[in-house]
Amino acid sequence: MSADKSIPVTEETREQLHDLKKPGQTYDDLLQELAQQRRRAELAERFDDLEAAESDELTALGDV
């Protein structure tokens, strides 16, 4: 179900979003894309942290 909502932003933020938006792309599409990029970046950071962790800092799967 679709519901239109207003999200208050400053004029500067609106201009930045407008500059990022591709021709024909809606603001909803852009915000979904940005949210997905953020989630992927956070997941990649978590994997990097795991790879950098010392083995004694990790819990074996058998112990979970």
PDB file of N, CA and C in Angstrom:
ATOM      1  N   MET A   1       0.842  -1.167   0.000  1.00  0.00           N
ATOM      2  CA  MET A   1       0.000   0.000   0.000  1.00  0.00           C
ATOM      3  C   MET A   1       0.892   1.237   0.000  1.00  0.00           C
ATOM      4  N   SER A   2       0.553   2.175  -0.802  1.00  0.00           N
ATOM      5  CA  SER A   2       1.331   3.394  -0.928  1.00  0.00           C
ATOM      6  C   SER A   2       0.648   4.524  -0.170  1.00  0.00           C
ATOM      7  N   ALA A   3       1.443   5.280   0.568  1.00  0.00           N
ATOM      8  CA  ALA A   3       0.916   6.443   1.277  1.00  0.00           C
ATOM      9  C   ALA A   3       1.896   7.590   1.089  1.00  0.00           C
ATOM     10  N   ASP A   4       1.385   8.720   0.666  1.00  0.00           N
ATOM     11  CA  ASP A   4       2.240   9.887   0.487  1.00  0.00           C
ATOM     12  C   ASP A   4       2.493  10.525   1.839  1.00  0.00           C
ATOM     13  N   LYS A   5       3.742  10.801   2.124  1.00  0.00           N
ATOM     14  CA  LYS A   5       4.156  11.435   3.373  1.00  0.00           C
ATOM     15  C   LYS A   5       5.096  12.573   3.035  1.00  0.00           C
ATOM     16  N   SER A   6       5.077  13.583   3.855  1.00  0.00           N
ATOM     17  CA  SER A   6       6.024  14.689   3.714  1.00  0.00           C
ATOM     18  C   SER A   6       7.183  14.462   4.668  1.00  0.00           C
ATOM     19  N   ILE A   7       8.375  14.711   4.181  1.00  0.00           N
ATOM     20  CA  ILE A   7       9.572  14.629   5.011  1.00  0.00           C
ATOM     21  C   ILE A   7      10.211  16.008   4.996  1.00  0.00           C
ATOM     22  N   PRO A   8      10.160  16.720   6.117  1.00  0.00           N
ATOM     23  CA  PRO A   8      10.726  18.063   6.131  1.00  0.00           C
ATOM     24  C   PRO A   8      12.247  18.019   5.988  1.00  0.00           C
ATOM     25  N   VAL A   9      12.775  18.779   5.052  1.00  0.00           N
ATOM     26  CA  VAL A   9      14.217  18.902   4.847  1.00  0.00           C
ATOM     27  C   VAL A   9      14.528  20.373   4.589  1.00  0.00           C
ATOM     28  N   THR A  10      15.778  20.721   4.816  1.00  0.00           N
ATOM     29  CA  THR A  10      16.191  22.086   4.514  1.00  0.00           C
ATOM     30  C   THR A  10      16.286  22.262   3.000  1.00  0.00           C
ATOM     31  N   GLU A  11      16.313  23.488   2.578  1.00  0.00           N
ATOM     32  CA  GLU A  11      16.449  23.765   1.143  1.00  0.00           C
ATOM     33  C   GLU A  11      17.778  23.211   0.627  1.00  0.00           C
ATOM     34  N   GLU A  12      18.817  23.300   1.446  1.00  0.00           N
ATOM     35  CA  GLU A  12      20.133  22.768   1.044  1.00  0.00           C
ATOM     36  C   GLU A  12      20.062  21.257   0.814  1.00  0.00           C
ATOM     37  N   THR A  13      19.389  20.549   1.707  1.00  0.00           N
ATOM     38  CA  THR A  13      19.246  19.100   1.559  1.00  0.00           C
ATOM     39  C   THR A  13      18.428  18.770   0.321  1.00  0.00           C
ATOM     40  N   ARG A  14      17.355  19.501   0.100  1.00  0.00           N
ATOM     41  CA  ARG A  14      16.529  19.266  -1.082  1.00  0.00           C
ATOM     42  C   ARG A  14      17.343  19.458  -2.350  1.00  0.00           C
ATOM     43  N   GLU A  15      18.181  20.485  -2.381  1.00  0.00           N
ATOM     44  CA  GLU A  15      19.027  20.721  -3.558  1.00  0.00           C
ATOM     45  C   GLU A  15      20.036  19.601  -3.747  1.00  0.00           C
ATOM     46  N   GLN A  16      20.607  19.114  -2.645  1.00  0.00           N
ATOM     47  CA  GLN A  16      21.564  18.005  -2.748  1.00  0.00           C
ATOM     48  C   GLN A  16      20.877  16.748  -3.281  1.00  0.00           C
ATOM     49  N   LEU A  17      19.682  16.468  -2.784  1.00  0.00           N
ATOM     50  CA  LEU A  17      18.938  15.312  -3.288  1.00  0.00           C
ATOM     51  C   LEU A  17      18.592  15.491  -4.759  1.00  0.00           C
ATOM     52  N   HIS A  18      18.184  16.691  -5.116  1.00  0.00           N
ATOM     53  CA  HIS A  18      17.846  16.972  -6.509  1.00  0.00           C
ATOM     54  C   HIS A  18      19.058  16.733  -7.416  1.00  0.00           C
ATOM     55  N   ASP A  19      20.241  17.147  -6.968  1.00  0.00           N
ATOM     56  CA  ASP A  19      21.461  16.947  -7.756  1.00  0.00           C
ATOM     57  C   ASP A  19      21.812  15.471  -7.905  1.00  0.00           C
ATOM     58  N   LEU A  20      21.457  14.655  -6.912  1.00  0.00           N
ATOM     59  CA  LEU A  20      21.751  13.220  -6.961  1.00  0.00           C
ATOM     60  C   LEU A  20      20.752  12.452  -7.818  1.00  0.00           C
ATOM     61  N   LYS A  21      19.565  12.992  -7.946  1.00  0.00           N
ATOM     62  CA  LYS A  21      18.477  12.310  -8.650  1.00  0.00           C
ATOM     63  C   LYS A  21      18.780  12.215 -10.138  1.00  0.00           C
ATOM     64  N   LYS A  22      18.550  11.027 -10.691  1.00  0.00           N
ATOM     65  CA  LYS A  22      18.727  10.809 -12.126  1.00  0.00           C
ATOM     66  C   LYS A  22      17.471  11.256 -12.860  1.00  0.00           C
ATOM     67  N   PRO A  23      17.595  11.604 -14.138  1.00  0.00           N
ATOM     68  CA  PRO A  23      16.397  11.993 -14.901  1.00  0.00           C
ATOM     69  C   PRO A  23      15.343  10.894 -14.853  1.00  0.00           C
ATOM     70  N   GLY A  24      14.119  11.264 -14.527  1.00  0.00           N
ATOM     71  CA  GLY A  24      13.025  10.311 -14.458  1.00  0.00           C
ATOM     72  C   GLY A  24      12.931   9.567 -13.133  1.00  0.00           C
ATOM     73  N   GLN A  25      13.929   9.709 -12.282  1.00  0.00           N
ATOM     74  CA  GLN A  25      13.934   9.019 -10.997  1.00  0.00           C
ATOM     75  C   GLN A  25      13.106   9.832  -9.992  1.00  0.00           C
ATOM     76  N   THR A  26      12.298   9.148  -9.214  1.00  0.00           N
ATOM     77  CA  THR A  26      11.518   9.834  -8.188  1.00  0.00           C
ATOM     78  C   THR A  26      12.377  10.005  -6.933  1.00  0.00           C
ATOM     79  N   TYR A  27      11.943  10.913  -6.065  1.00  0.00           N
ATOM     80  CA  TYR A  27      12.645  11.074  -4.794  1.00  0.00           C
ATOM     81  C   TYR A  27      12.525   9.794  -3.962  1.00  0.00           C
ATOM     82  N   ASP A  28      11.393   9.107  -4.054  1.00  0.00           N
ATOM     83  CA  ASP A  28      11.223   7.840  -3.348  1.00  0.00           C
ATOM     84  C   ASP A  28      12.252   6.825  -3.826  1.00  0.00           C
ATOM     85  N   ASP A  29      12.431   6.720  -5.145  1.00  0.00           N
ATOM     86  CA  ASP A  29      13.441   5.801  -5.698  1.00  0.00           C
ATOM     87  C   ASP A  29      14.838   6.172  -5.208  1.00  0.00           C
ATOM     88  N   LEU A  30      15.135   7.466  -5.218  1.00  0.00           N
ATOM     89  CA  LEU A  30      16.453   7.927  -4.781  1.00  0.00           C
ATOM     90  C   LEU A  30      16.679   7.595  -3.316  1.00  0.00           C
ATOM     91  N   LEU A  31      15.690   7.865  -2.473  1.00  0.00           N
ATOM     92  CA  LEU A  31      15.844   7.591  -1.046  1.00  0.00           C
ATOM     93  C   LEU A  31      15.968   6.093  -0.781  1.00  0.00           C
ATOM     94  N   GLN A  32      15.247   5.270  -1.520  1.00  0.00           N
ATOM     95  CA  GLN A  32      15.401   3.815  -1.387  1.00  0.00           C
ATOM     96  C   GLN A  32      16.811   3.388  -1.781  1.00  0.00           C
ATOM     97  N   GLU A  33      17.323   3.965  -2.868  1.00  0.00           N
ATOM     98  CA  GLU A  33      18.675   3.648  -3.329  1.00  0.00           C
ATOM     99  C   GLU A  33      19.715   4.057  -2.285  1.00  0.00           C
ATOM    100  N   LEU A  34      19.568   5.249  -1.724  1.00  0.00           N
ATOM    101  CA  LEU A  34      20.506   5.724  -0.709  1.00  0.00           C
ATOM    102  C   LEU A  34      20.445   4.862   0.546  1.00  0.00           C
ATOM    103  N   ALA A  35      19.234   4.450   0.951  1.00  0.00           N
ATOM    104  CA  ALA A  35      19.093   3.589   2.124  1.00  0.00           C
ATOM    105  C   ALA A  35      19.758   2.236   1.883  1.00  0.00           C
ATOM    106  N   GLN A  36      19.584   1.686   0.682  1.00  0.00           N
ATOM    107  CA  GLN A  36      20.207   0.408   0.354  1.00  0.00           C
ATOM    108  C   GLN A  36      21.737   0.535   0.351  1.00  0.00           C
ATOM    109  N   GLN A  37      22.250   1.616  -0.198  1.00  0.00           N
ATOM    110  CA  GLN A  37      23.696   1.828  -0.195  1.00  0.00           C
ATOM    111  C   GLN A  37      24.227   1.918   1.228  1.00  0.00           C
ATOM    112  N   ARG A  38      23.478   2.585   2.101  1.00  0.00           N
ATOM    113  CA  ARG A  38      23.885   2.717   3.505  1.00  0.00           C
ATOM    114  C   ARG A  38      23.920   1.357   4.183  1.00  0.00           C
ATOM    115  N   ARG A  39      22.864   0.542   3.963  1.00  0.00           N
ATOM    116  CA  ARG A  39      22.829  -0.795   4.565  1.00  0.00           C
ATOM    117  C   ARG A  39      23.994  -1.647   4.066  1.00  0.00           C
ATOM    118  N   ARG A  40      24.288  -1.572   2.774  1.00  0.00           N
ATOM    119  CA  ARG A  40      25.405  -2.355   2.221  1.00  0.00           C
ATOM    120  C   ARG A  40      26.734  -1.895   2.798  1.00  0.00           C
ATOM    121  N   ALA A  41      26.917  -0.585   2.951  1.00  0.00           N
ATOM    122  CA  ALA A  41      28.159  -0.052   3.512  1.00  0.00           C
ATOM    123  C   ALA A  41      28.327  -0.500   4.962  1.00  0.00           C
ATOM    124  N   GLU A  42      27.239  -0.484   5.723  1.00  0.00           N
ATOM    125  CA  GLU A  42      27.311  -0.931   7.118  1.00  0.00           C
ATOM    126  C   GLU A  42      27.618  -2.419   7.197  1.00  0.00           C
ATOM    127  N   LEU A  43      27.040  -3.211   6.307  1.00  0.00           N
ATOM    128  CA  LEU A  43      27.320  -4.645   6.285  1.00  0.00           C
ATOM    129  C   LEU A  43      28.780  -4.898   5.909  1.00  0.00           C
ATOM    130  N   ALA A  44      29.282  -4.180   4.928  1.00  0.00           N
ATOM    131  CA  ALA A  44      30.684  -4.326   4.527  1.00  0.00           C
ATOM    132  C   ALA A  44      31.610  -3.959   5.683  1.00  0.00           C
ATOM    133  N   GLU A  45      31.244  -2.928   6.437  1.00  0.00           N
ATOM    134  CA  GLU A  45      32.050  -2.520   7.587  1.00  0.00           C
ATOM    135  C   GLU A  45      32.065  -3.608   8.656  1.00  0.00           C
ATOM    136  N   ARG A  46      30.908  -4.244   8.864  1.00  0.00           N
ATOM    137  CA  ARG A  46      30.845  -5.336   9.830  1.00  0.00           C
ATOM    138  C   ARG A  46      31.727  -6.496   9.397  1.00  0.00           C
ATOM    139  N   PHE A  47      31.725  -6.829   8.107  1.00  0.00           N
ATOM    140  CA  PHE A  47      32.591  -7.898   7.604  1.00  0.00           C
ATOM    141  C   PHE A  47      34.061  -7.525   7.765  1.00  0.00           C
ATOM    142  N   ASP A  48      34.404  -6.277   7.485  1.00  0.00           N
ATOM    143  CA  ASP A  48      35.783  -5.822   7.666  1.00  0.00           C
ATOM    144  C   ASP A  48      36.203  -5.952   9.125  1.00  0.00           C
ATOM    145  N   ASP A  49      35.300  -5.582  10.041  1.00  0.00           N
ATOM    146  CA  ASP A  49      35.602  -5.708  11.468  1.00  0.00           C
ATOM    147  C   ASP A  49      35.827  -7.165  11.852  1.00  0.00           C
ATOM    148  N   LEU A  50      35.002  -8.063  11.296  1.00  0.00           N
ATOM    149  CA  LEU A  50      35.177  -9.486  11.590  1.00  0.00           C
ATOM    150  C   LEU A  50      36.501 -10.010  11.058  1.00  0.00           C
ATOM    151  N   GLU A  51      36.865  -9.596   9.856  1.00  0.00           N
ATOM    152  CA  GLU A  51      38.128 -10.050   9.271  1.00  0.00           C
ATOM    153  C   GLU A  51      39.317  -9.524  10.061  1.00  0.00           C
ATOM    154  N   ALA A  52      39.191  -8.346  10.648  1.00  0.00           N
ATOM    155  CA  ALA A  52      40.284  -7.749  11.393  1.00  0.00           C
ATOM    156  C   ALA A  52      40.358  -8.264  12.831  1.00  0.00           C
ATOM    157  N   ALA A  53      39.303  -8.903  13.297  1.00  0.00           N
ATOM    158  CA  ALA A  53      39.254  -9.370  14.685  1.00  0.00           C
ATOM    159  C   ALA A  53      40.240 -10.519  14.903  1.00  0.00           C
ATOM    160  N   GLU A  54      40.811 -10.541  16.077  1.00  0.00           N
ATOM    161  CA  GLU A  54      41.684 -11.645  16.457  1.00  0.00           C
ATOM    162  C   GLU A  54      40.811 -12.882  16.666  1.00  0.00           C
ATOM    163  N   SER A  55      41.341 -14.041  16.346  1.00  0.00           N
ATOM    164  CA  SER A  55      40.541 -15.268  16.436  1.00  0.00           C
ATOM    165  C   SER A  55      40.047 -15.524  17.856  1.00  0.00           C
ATOM    166  N   ASP A  56      40.786 -15.083  18.874  1.00  0.00           N
ATOM    167  CA  ASP A  56      40.324 -15.304  20.247  1.00  0.00           C
ATOM    168  C   ASP A  56      39.183 -14.354  20.638  1.00  0.00           C
ATOM    169  N   GLU A  57      38.896 -13.357  19.803  1.00  0.00           N
ATOM    170  CA  GLU A  57      37.791 -12.449  20.054  1.00  0.00           C
ATOM    171  C   GLU A  57      36.484 -12.979  19.465  1.00  0.00           C
ATOM    172  N   LEU A  58      36.558 -14.040  18.663  1.00  0.00           N
ATOM    173  CA  LEU A  58      35.389 -14.579  17.979  1.00  0.00           C
ATOM    174  C   LEU A  58      34.869 -15.813  18.691  1.00  0.00           C
ATOM    175  N   THR A  59      33.587 -16.071  18.555  1.00  0.00           N
ATOM    176  CA  THR A  59      32.966 -17.260  19.141  1.00  0.00           C
ATOM    177  C   THR A  59      32.777 -18.294  18.028  1.00  0.00           C
ATOM    178  N   ALA A  60      33.201 -19.505  18.303  1.00  0.00           N
ATOM    179  CA  ALA A  60      33.059 -20.584  17.342  1.00  0.00           C
ATOM    180  C   ALA A  60      31.579 -20.863  17.102  1.00  0.00           C
ATOM    181  N   LEU A  61      31.217 -21.199  15.866  1.00  0.00           N
ATOM    182  CA  LEU A  61      29.812 -21.486  15.554  1.00  0.00           C
ATOM    183  C   LEU A  61      29.259 -22.619  16.394  1.00  0.00           C
ATOM    184  N   GLY A  62      30.087 -23.590  16.704  1.00  0.00           N
ATOM    185  CA  GLY A  62      29.644 -24.714  17.535  1.00  0.00           C
ATOM    186  C   GLY A  62      29.285 -24.298  18.949  1.00  0.00           C
ATOM    187  N   ASP A  63      29.782 -23.137  19.381  1.00  0.00           N
ATOM    188  CA  ASP A  63      29.520 -22.641  20.725  1.00  0.00           C
ATOM    189  C   ASP A  63      28.292 -21.751  20.786  1.00  0.00           C
ATOM    190  N   VAL A  64      27.665 -21.538  19.632  1.00  0.00           N
ATOM    191  CA  VAL A  64      26.507 -20.642  19.595  1.00  0.00           C
ATOM    192  C   VAL A  64      25.238 -21.394  19.872  1.00  0.00           C
TER     193      VAL A  64
END
